[in-house]
Amino acid sequence: MEEAIDRSFNILRTRIDKFGTSQPSIQRVKGTGRIQVELPGVDNPDRVRKLLQGQAKLEFWEVWRQDEFGPYLQQLDQALIAKEKTAATPATAAAGTTASATDSAAAKGDSTSLASQLANKKAATTAKADSAKPQQNSVLARLFTMPIPGQLGVNLRDTARMNAILNSQEARAILPPNLTMLWSVKPEVIEGQEYLKLNAIRKTPGTEAPLGGEVVADARQDYDQGGRPK
């Protein structure tokens, strides 16, 4: 019974990690055989309950090659960058107007005045900050941080942000309808960090898998020539 509860606990924790909710809580209630799950900010508790209570099914799907779905991700990234710039433009313009007014007032006065010194100091500080800014402006590159070449993986703490992007209007408008990004079952631990891999599946919402687990007649673990499981 304890082993069954432990397995259930691990399965629930893995499924909860894919939701990407902030500060989820899952713990065993001692002496009761129950598992308590708390997911702050969930706006559809019925859907979450069904996903947590559902049984895992083995399905076989065709996948997209990276050279096939890569251009769509690039288009999505450009749209997200443009959206960020549009959101930041009003604040930047207001800051520029204030700085210009301050610099103009300082220019009219004595160069040794307090206003002039503050303006010069502010300009030097701004230039230093600009030089320290990262050159990478890609929105998706900030999230796809799993250090494995050729694979797309997201740190567990960033899964909420990635889920929001994949469900955004920009993603729905750019990504093909038969491109579905699915999380891997288990996170990979790399250098002390946990990452979840994203897989590009050829799947239209509502369609069934071409093959299911019922076609498997025999299954066993084997090893390749390098001694690695396959």
Protein backbone atom coordinates (compact mmCIF):
# COMPACT_ATOMS: atom_id res chain seq x y z
CA MET A 1 0.00 0.00 0.00
CA GLU A 2 2.84 2.40 0.83
CA GLU A 3 4.50 1.65 -2.50
CA ALA A 4 1.23 2.35 -4.34
CA ILE A 5 0.86 5.69 -2.56
CA ASP A 6 4.47 6.59 -3.38
CA ARG A 7 3.93 5.79 -7.06
CA SER A 8 0.75 7.85 -7.12
CA PHE A 9 2.55 10.73 -5.41
CA ASN A 10 5.35 10.73 -8.01
CA ILE A 11 2.89 10.53 -10.90
CA LEU A 12 0.86 13.45 -9.56
CA ARG A 13 3.98 15.53 -8.97
CA THR A 14 5.13 14.96 -12.56
CA ARG A 15 1.74 15.95 -13.96
CA ILE A 16 1.57 19.05 -11.77
CA ASP A 17 5.00 20.18 -12.97
CA LYS A 18 3.61 20.37 -16.52
CA PHE A 19 0.84 22.76 -15.49
CA GLY A 20 3.46 25.38 -14.74
CA THR A 21 1.53 26.88 -11.83
CA SER A 22 3.42 29.07 -9.40
CA GLN A 23 4.28 27.53 -6.03
CA PRO A 24 2.25 24.29 -6.30
CA SER A 25 1.93 22.21 -3.13
CA ILE A 26 1.65 18.42 -3.07
CA GLN A 27 2.15 16.44 0.10
CA ARG A 28 1.11 13.22 1.77
CA VAL A 29 -1.26 13.50 4.70
CA LYS A 30 0.34 11.32 7.35
CA GLY A 31 -1.73 8.47 8.75
CA THR A 32 -4.55 8.82 6.21
CA GLY A 33 -3.20 7.38 2.94
CA ARG A 34 -4.31 10.59 1.21
CA ILE A 35 -2.42 13.05 -1.01
CA GLN A 36 -3.19 16.76 -0.70
CA VAL A 37 -2.76 18.94 -3.80
CA GLU A 38 -2.94 22.75 -3.82
CA LEU A 39 -2.57 24.72 -7.07
CA PRO A 40 -2.77 28.51 -6.56
CA GLY A 41 -4.20 30.53 -9.43
CA VAL A 42 -5.89 27.68 -11.30
CA ASP A 43 -8.91 29.08 -13.18
CA ASN A 44 -10.33 25.72 -14.35
CA PRO A 45 -10.28 23.30 -11.40
CA ASP A 46 -12.53 20.73 -13.13
CA ARG A 47 -10.09 20.35 -16.03
CA VAL A 48 -7.14 20.03 -13.66
CA ARG A 49 -8.98 17.43 -11.61
CA LYS A 50 -9.66 15.35 -14.73
CA LEU A 51 -6.04 15.55 -15.84
CA LEU A 52 -4.80 14.48 -12.41
CA GLN A 53 -7.30 11.63 -12.11
CA GLY A 54 -6.96 10.38 -15.69
CA GLN A 55 -5.15 7.20 -16.58
CA ALA A 56 -1.97 7.33 -18.65
CA LYS A 57 -2.32 5.92 -22.19
CA LEU A 58 0.45 4.74 -24.47
CA GLU A 59 0.08 6.45 -27.86
CA PHE A 60 2.26 6.70 -30.97
CA TRP A 61 2.31 9.98 -32.88
CA GLU A 62 4.26 11.29 -35.84
CA VAL A 63 6.67 14.06 -34.85
CA TRP A 64 7.81 17.22 -36.62
CA ARG A 65 11.46 17.52 -37.57
CA GLN A 66 13.22 20.55 -36.15
CA ASP A 67 13.86 21.99 -39.63
CA GLU A 68 10.10 21.76 -40.26
CA PHE A 69 8.74 23.49 -37.15
CA GLY A 70 11.78 25.75 -36.61
CA PRO A 71 10.61 28.49 -39.05
CA TYR A 72 7.24 28.70 -37.27
CA LEU A 73 8.96 29.19 -33.91
CA GLN A 74 11.10 31.92 -35.46
CA GLN A 75 7.96 33.71 -36.69
CA LEU A 76 6.39 33.35 -33.26
CA ASP A 77 9.54 34.71 -31.64
CA GLN A 78 9.52 37.79 -33.90
CA ALA A 79 5.87 38.41 -33.04
CA LEU A 80 6.62 38.17 -29.31
CA ILE A 81 9.60 40.53 -29.63
CA ALA A 82 7.43 43.07 -31.48
CA LYS A 83 4.77 42.75 -28.78
CA GLU A 84 7.34 43.41 -26.05
CA LYS A 85 8.67 46.48 -27.88
CA THR A 86 5.16 47.85 -28.37
CA ALA A 87 4.39 47.43 -24.67
CA ALA A 88 7.64 49.14 -23.68
CA THR A 89 7.42 52.09 -26.11
CA PRO A 90 5.16 54.43 -24.02
CA ALA A 91 7.32 54.07 -20.91
CA THR A 92 10.50 54.66 -22.92
CA ALA A 93 9.07 57.75 -24.58
CA ALA A 94 7.99 59.24 -21.25
CA ALA A 95 11.42 58.58 -19.74
CA GLY A 96 13.10 60.19 -22.75
CA THR A 97 10.95 63.31 -22.44
CA THR A 98 11.81 63.69 -18.75
CA ALA A 99 15.50 63.23 -19.41
CA SER A 100 15.47 65.79 -22.21
CA ALA A 101 13.79 68.34 -19.99
CA THR A 102 16.35 67.74 -17.25
CA ASP A 103 19.28 67.96 -19.65
CA SER A 104 17.91 71.16 -21.19
CA ALA A 105 17.52 72.78 -17.80
CA ALA A 106 21.04 71.78 -16.85
CA ALA A 107 22.44 73.15 -20.10
CA LYS A 108 20.95 76.57 -19.44
CA GLY A 109 22.63 76.85 -16.04
CA ASP A 110 26.18 76.77 -14.83
CA SER A 111 28.12 73.59 -15.62
CA THR A 112 29.18 73.44 -12.00
CA SER A 113 25.61 73.60 -10.71
CA LEU A 114 24.01 70.67 -8.91
CA ALA A 115 21.51 70.17 -11.73
CA SER A 116 24.31 69.96 -14.30
CA GLN A 117 26.29 67.47 -12.23
CA LEU A 118 23.23 65.27 -11.71
CA ALA A 119 22.44 65.34 -15.42
CA ASN A 120 26.00 64.32 -16.32
CA LYS A 121 25.97 61.55 -13.73
CA LYS A 122 22.62 60.27 -14.99
CA ALA A 123 23.88 60.21 -18.59
CA ALA A 124 27.00 58.26 -17.59
CA THR A 125 24.93 55.79 -15.57
CA THR A 126 22.48 55.26 -18.45
CA ALA A 127 25.31 54.63 -20.91
CA LYS A 128 26.88 52.10 -18.56
CA ALA A 129 23.57 50.29 -18.07
CA ASP A 130 22.96 50.16 -21.83
CA SER A 131 26.39 48.63 -22.42
CA ALA A 132 25.63 45.93 -19.83
CA LYS A 133 22.33 44.88 -21.42
CA PRO A 134 22.30 41.38 -22.95
CA GLN A 135 22.46 41.32 -26.71
CA GLN A 136 20.04 38.41 -26.92
CA ASN A 137 16.54 39.81 -27.51
CA SER A 138 14.87 36.51 -28.35
CA VAL A 139 11.89 35.77 -26.12
CA LEU A 140 11.92 32.03 -26.76
CA ALA A 141 15.69 31.75 -26.33
CA ARG A 142 15.27 33.02 -22.78
CA LEU A 143 12.96 30.09 -22.05
CA PHE A 144 14.53 27.26 -24.07
CA THR A 145 17.46 26.88 -21.70
CA MET A 146 17.99 23.10 -21.51
CA PRO A 147 21.69 22.66 -22.42
CA ILE A 148 21.26 19.74 -24.83
CA PRO A 149 21.96 20.46 -28.53
CA GLY A 150 19.02 19.77 -30.82
CA GLN A 151 16.42 19.57 -28.04
CA LEU A 152 13.93 22.10 -26.74
CA GLY A 153 13.69 22.10 -22.97
CA VAL A 154 12.37 24.54 -20.38
CA ASN A 155 13.36 24.92 -16.75
CA LEU A 156 10.54 23.82 -14.44
CA ARG A 157 10.24 27.33 -13.02
CA ASP A 158 9.50 28.68 -16.54
CA THR A 159 6.82 26.19 -17.62
CA ALA A 160 4.00 28.59 -16.71
CA ARG A 161 5.44 31.26 -18.99
CA MET A 162 5.90 28.78 -21.84
CA ASN A 163 2.35 27.44 -21.47
CA ALA A 164 1.05 31.03 -21.64
CA ILE A 165 3.01 31.64 -24.87
CA LEU A 166 1.82 28.41 -26.52
CA ASN A 167 -1.78 29.35 -25.68
CA SER A 168 -1.41 33.00 -26.76
CA GLN A 169 -3.13 34.63 -29.72
CA GLU A 170 0.21 34.96 -31.48
CA ALA A 171 0.86 31.21 -31.23
CA ARG A 172 -2.63 30.32 -32.44
CA ALA A 173 -2.22 32.61 -35.44
CA ILE A 174 1.27 31.42 -36.46
CA LEU A 175 1.65 27.75 -35.51
CA PRO A 176 -0.02 25.19 -37.82
CA PRO A 177 -3.21 23.61 -36.43
CA ASN A 178 -1.63 20.15 -36.53
CA LEU A 179 1.43 21.22 -34.51
CA THR A 180 0.99 20.41 -30.84
CA MET A 181 3.79 20.90 -28.32
CA LEU A 182 3.67 18.21 -25.63
CA TRP A 183 5.79 17.97 -22.49
CA SER A 184 7.87 14.90 -21.76
CA VAL A 185 6.73 12.64 -18.94
CA LYS A 186 9.69 13.13 -16.62
CA PRO A 187 12.02 16.09 -16.10
CA GLU A 188 15.73 15.74 -16.83
CA VAL A 189 18.19 16.81 -14.15
CA ILE A 190 21.19 18.63 -15.64
CA GLU A 191 23.77 20.31 -13.41
CA GLY A 192 21.34 20.39 -10.51
CA GLN A 193 18.52 21.99 -12.56
CA GLU A 194 15.31 20.24 -13.65
CA TYR A 195 14.16 20.65 -17.25
CA LEU A 196 11.09 19.45 -19.14
CA LYS A 197 11.51 18.67 -22.81
CA LEU A 198 9.00 19.92 -25.38
CA ASN A 199 8.10 17.60 -28.26
CA ALA A 200 6.57 18.77 -31.55
CA ILE A 201 3.75 16.33 -32.42
CA ARG A 202 1.65 16.17 -35.58
CA LYS A 203 -1.66 16.26 -33.82
CA THR A 204 -4.85 18.15 -34.53
CA PRO A 205 -7.01 18.80 -31.41
CA GLY A 206 -9.69 16.14 -31.08
CA THR A 207 -7.98 13.55 -33.24
CA GLU A 208 -6.95 10.12 -32.00
CA ALA A 209 -3.48 8.64 -32.15
CA PRO A 210 -2.70 6.57 -35.28
CA LEU A 211 -1.51 3.76 -32.99
CA GLY A 212 -2.25 2.92 -29.38
CA GLY A 213 -0.74 0.70 -26.74
CA GLU A 214 -2.93 -2.22 -27.78
CA VAL A 215 -0.62 -2.89 -30.76
CA VAL A 216 2.30 -3.73 -28.45
CA ALA A 217 2.61 -7.51 -28.19
CA ASP A 218 5.92 -7.65 -26.36
CA ALA A 219 8.01 -5.05 -24.52
CA ARG A 220 11.37 -5.34 -22.80
CA GLN A 221 14.36 -3.22 -21.96
CA ASP A 222 17.40 -3.57 -24.16
CA TYR A 223 20.80 -1.91 -24.56
CA ASP A 224 22.67 -0.52 -27.55
CA GLN A 225 26.30 -1.22 -28.43
CA GLY A 226 27.43 1.47 -25.99
CA GLY A 227 25.63 -0.18 -23.07
CA ARG A 228 22.95 2.52 -22.92
CA PRO A 229 19.26 1.65 -22.44
CA LYS A 230 17.12 1.98 -25.56
